[in-house]
Amino acid sequence: MRLTEITYDNAKPIDGYGPGFFRIGGQVIEGPVTVMPSGVAGWGGYDDTAALIAAADKVDVVFVGTGAEIAHPPAAFRQVLEAAGLGVESMASPAACRTYNVLLSEGRRVALALFPV
């Protein structure tokens, strides 16, 4: 079997997560967070769309991690992002982290908006 190490260029992969935190690119961040090509930042929740919209020219899809369980984000949140040309996929935060890492390793233009588990 041949193993190939994954390199992420300038983007930061999700290394882990736990109750109330995420480990992203080796750094522990508590609370909700966004992960975009421009960097990692705290996230104010569904009303905080400015940073996501600002990244619309560098990102095709935003994975929304809704916490431990899957939930639908508010329709207004989805509509604002879609109007900016972003695809929105919601899933539980663990699944969003895994999906993000896989697509990031393929060089895809993805971002995350995560609520902790």
C-alpha atoms as a PDB file:
ATOM      1  CA  MET A   1       0.000   0.000   0.000  1.00  0.00           C
ATOM      2  CA  ARG A   2       1.250   3.478  -0.854  1.00  0.00           C
ATOM      3  CA  LEU A   3       0.615   6.383   1.512  1.00  0.00           C
ATOM      4  CA  THR A   4       0.776   9.969   0.350  1.00  0.00           C
ATOM      5  CA  GLU A   5       1.036  12.855   2.781  1.00  0.00           C
ATOM      6  CA  ILE A   6      -1.574  15.534   2.198  1.00  0.00           C
ATOM      7  CA  THR A   7      -0.474  19.137   1.918  1.00  0.00           C
ATOM      8  CA  TYR A   8      -2.978  21.937   2.290  1.00  0.00           C
ATOM      9  CA  ASP A   9      -0.962  24.863   0.844  1.00  0.00           C
ATOM     10  CA  ASN A  10      -2.141  28.000   2.694  1.00  0.00           C
ATOM     11  CA  ALA A  11      -5.439  26.603   4.001  1.00  0.00           C
ATOM     12  CA  LYS A  12      -5.858  25.173   7.495  1.00  0.00           C
ATOM     13  CA  PRO A  13      -7.354  21.700   8.019  1.00  0.00           C
ATOM     14  CA  ILE A  14      -9.529  20.734  10.958  1.00  0.00           C
ATOM     15  CA  ASP A  15      -7.293  18.655  13.239  1.00  0.00           C
ATOM     16  CA  GLY A  16      -9.924  17.836  15.849  1.00  0.00           C
ATOM     17  CA  TYR A  17     -12.910  18.989  17.869  1.00  0.00           C
ATOM     18  CA  GLY A  18     -14.534  18.415  21.210  1.00  0.00           C
ATOM     19  CA  PRO A  19     -17.101  19.902  23.576  1.00  0.00           C
ATOM     20  CA  GLY A  20     -17.004  23.632  22.858  1.00  0.00           C
ATOM     21  CA  PHE A  21     -13.793  23.783  20.792  1.00  0.00           C
ATOM     22  CA  PHE A  22     -12.093  23.072  17.481  1.00  0.00           C
ATOM     23  CA  ARG A  23      -8.390  22.436  16.768  1.00  0.00           C
ATOM     24  CA  ILE A  24      -7.618  24.056  13.423  1.00  0.00           C
ATOM     25  CA  GLY A  25      -4.135  24.000  11.930  1.00  0.00           C
ATOM     26  CA  GLY A  26      -2.753  23.161  15.381  1.00  0.00           C
ATOM     27  CA  GLN A  27      -4.533  26.032  17.162  1.00  0.00           C
ATOM     28  CA  VAL A  28      -7.390  25.498  19.640  1.00  0.00           C
ATOM     29  CA  ILE A  29     -10.339  27.845  19.154  1.00  0.00           C
ATOM     30  CA  GLU A  30     -13.336  27.862  21.468  1.00  0.00           C
ATOM     31  CA  GLY A  31     -16.884  28.593  20.362  1.00  0.00           C
ATOM     32  CA  PRO A  32     -18.355  29.042  16.884  1.00  0.00           C
ATOM     33  CA  VAL A  33     -15.787  29.585  14.144  1.00  0.00           C
ATOM     34  CA  THR A  34     -15.385  30.258  10.432  1.00  0.00           C
ATOM     35  CA  VAL A  35     -12.609  28.707   8.389  1.00  0.00           C
ATOM     36  CA  MET A  36     -11.965  30.366   5.048  1.00  0.00           C
ATOM     37  CA  PRO A  37      -9.070  30.886   2.649  1.00  0.00           C
ATOM     38  CA  SER A  38      -8.410  34.210   4.395  1.00  0.00           C
ATOM     39  CA  GLY A  39      -8.035  32.514   7.779  1.00  0.00           C
ATOM     40  CA  VAL A  40      -9.786  31.325  10.900  1.00  0.00           C
ATOM     41  CA  ALA A  41     -12.014  33.623  12.967  1.00  0.00           C
ATOM     42  CA  GLY A  42     -14.699  33.540  15.606  1.00  0.00           C
ATOM     43  CA  TRP A  43     -18.211  33.434  14.221  1.00  0.00           C
ATOM     44  CA  GLY A  44     -21.255  35.247  15.590  1.00  0.00           C
ATOM     45  CA  GLY A  45     -23.742  32.670  14.317  1.00  0.00           C
ATOM     46  CA  TYR A  46     -26.397  32.865  11.644  1.00  0.00           C
ATOM     47  CA  ASP A  47     -26.664  36.673  11.811  1.00  0.00           C
ATOM     48  CA  ASP A  48     -22.923  37.019  11.088  1.00  0.00           C
ATOM     49  CA  THR A  49     -22.701  36.651   7.293  1.00  0.00           C
ATOM     50  CA  ALA A  50     -20.337  39.502   6.352  1.00  0.00           C
ATOM     51  CA  ALA A  51     -17.091  37.488   6.370  1.00  0.00           C
ATOM     52  CA  LEU A  52     -18.683  34.627   4.442  1.00  0.00           C
ATOM     53  CA  ILE A  53     -20.058  36.979   1.799  1.00  0.00           C
ATOM     54  CA  ALA A  54     -16.675  38.739   1.543  1.00  0.00           C
ATOM     55  CA  ALA A  55     -15.097  35.367   0.656  1.00  0.00           C
ATOM     56  CA  ALA A  56     -17.603  34.623  -2.130  1.00  0.00           C
ATOM     57  CA  ASP A  57     -15.018  35.217  -4.877  1.00  0.00           C
ATOM     58  CA  LYS A  58     -12.665  32.618  -3.318  1.00  0.00           C
ATOM     59  CA  VAL A  59     -15.215  30.013  -2.205  1.00  0.00           C
ATOM     60  CA  ASP A  60     -17.818  27.934  -4.023  1.00  0.00           C
ATOM     61  CA  VAL A  61     -19.533  26.269  -1.076  1.00  0.00           C
ATOM     62  CA  VAL A  62     -19.865  26.883   2.666  1.00  0.00           C
ATOM     63  CA  PHE A  63     -20.341  23.862   4.903  1.00  0.00           C
ATOM     64  CA  VAL A  64     -22.408  24.833   7.922  1.00  0.00           C
ATOM     65  CA  GLY A  65     -21.734  22.638  10.935  1.00  0.00           C
ATOM     66  CA  THR A  66     -24.848  22.859  13.101  1.00  0.00           C
ATOM     67  CA  GLY A  67     -23.360  21.257  16.234  1.00  0.00           C
ATOM     68  CA  ALA A  68     -23.698  17.685  17.426  1.00  0.00           C
ATOM     69  CA  GLU A  69     -26.901  17.111  15.460  1.00  0.00           C
ATOM     70  CA  ILE A  70     -27.939  18.159  11.987  1.00  0.00           C
ATOM     71  CA  ALA A  71     -30.334  21.084  11.829  1.00  0.00           C
ATOM     72  CA  HIS A  72     -31.538  23.428   9.125  1.00  0.00           C
ATOM     73  CA  PRO A  73     -30.083  26.923   9.244  1.00  0.00           C
ATOM     74  CA  PRO A  74     -32.589  29.778   9.093  1.00  0.00           C
ATOM     75  CA  ALA A  75     -33.947  30.439   5.612  1.00  0.00           C
ATOM     76  CA  ALA A  76     -32.758  34.068   5.741  1.00  0.00           C
ATOM     77  CA  PHE A  77     -29.163  32.913   6.369  1.00  0.00           C
ATOM     78  CA  ARG A  78     -29.257  30.540   3.405  1.00  0.00           C
ATOM     79  CA  GLN A  79     -30.869  33.142   1.136  1.00  0.00           C
ATOM     80  CA  VAL A  80     -28.242  35.800   1.915  1.00  0.00           C
ATOM     81  CA  LEU A  81     -25.360  33.415   1.143  1.00  0.00           C
ATOM     82  CA  GLU A  82     -26.975  32.011  -1.983  1.00  0.00           C
ATOM     83  CA  ALA A  83     -27.676  35.552  -3.258  1.00  0.00           C
ATOM     84  CA  ALA A  84     -23.912  36.164  -2.958  1.00  0.00           C
ATOM     85  CA  GLY A  85     -23.272  33.120  -5.171  1.00  0.00           C
ATOM     86  CA  LEU A  86     -22.322  30.677  -2.422  1.00  0.00           C
ATOM     87  CA  GLY A  87     -23.577  27.141  -2.142  1.00  0.00           C
ATOM     88  CA  VAL A  88     -24.718  26.217   1.371  1.00  0.00           C
ATOM     89  CA  GLU A  89     -24.609  22.684   2.753  1.00  0.00           C
ATOM     90  CA  SER A  90     -25.668  22.068   6.337  1.00  0.00           C
ATOM     91  CA  MET A  91     -24.703  19.003   8.353  1.00  0.00           C
ATOM     92  CA  ALA A  92     -23.617  18.084  11.857  1.00  0.00           C
ATOM     93  CA  SER A  93     -20.288  19.715  12.741  1.00  0.00           C
ATOM     94  CA  PRO A  94     -18.257  16.451  12.801  1.00  0.00           C
ATOM     95  CA  ALA A  95     -19.449  15.603   9.276  1.00  0.00           C
ATOM     96  CA  ALA A  96     -18.796  19.176   8.104  1.00  0.00           C
ATOM     97  CA  CYS A  97     -15.206  18.978   9.400  1.00  0.00           C
ATOM     98  CA  ARG A  98     -14.534  15.677   7.647  1.00  0.00           C
ATOM     99  CA  THR A  99     -16.110  16.809   4.384  1.00  0.00           C
ATOM    100  CA  TYR A 100     -14.195  20.086   4.464  1.00  0.00           C
ATOM    101  CA  ASN A 101     -10.857  18.300   4.985  1.00  0.00           C
ATOM    102  CA  VAL A 102     -11.460  15.883   2.105  1.00  0.00           C
ATOM    103  CA  LEU A 103     -12.477  18.600  -0.345  1.00  0.00           C
ATOM    104  CA  LEU A 104      -9.695  20.898   0.860  1.00  0.00           C
ATOM    105  CA  SER A 105      -7.138  18.152   0.183  1.00  0.00           C
ATOM    106  CA  GLU A 106      -8.501  17.972  -3.380  1.00  0.00           C
ATOM    107  CA  GLY A 107      -7.884  21.695  -3.840  1.00  0.00           C
ATOM    108  CA  ARG A 108     -11.576  22.618  -3.830  1.00  0.00           C
ATOM    109  CA  ARG A 109     -12.784  26.121  -2.926  1.00  0.00           C
ATOM    110  CA  VAL A 110     -14.560  25.467   0.377  1.00  0.00           C
ATOM    111  CA  ALA A 111     -15.255  27.243   3.660  1.00  0.00           C
ATOM    112  CA  LEU A 112     -16.722  26.311   7.029  1.00  0.00           C
ATOM    113  CA  ALA A 113     -19.055  27.959   9.493  1.00  0.00           C
ATOM    114  CA  LEU A 114     -19.162  25.786  12.604  1.00  0.00           C
ATOM    115  CA  PHE A 115     -21.043  25.556  15.859  1.00  0.00           C
ATOM    116  CA  PRO A 116     -19.206  23.390  18.412  1.00  0.00           C
ATOM    117  CA  VAL A 117     -20.442  19.964  19.478  1.00  0.00           C
END
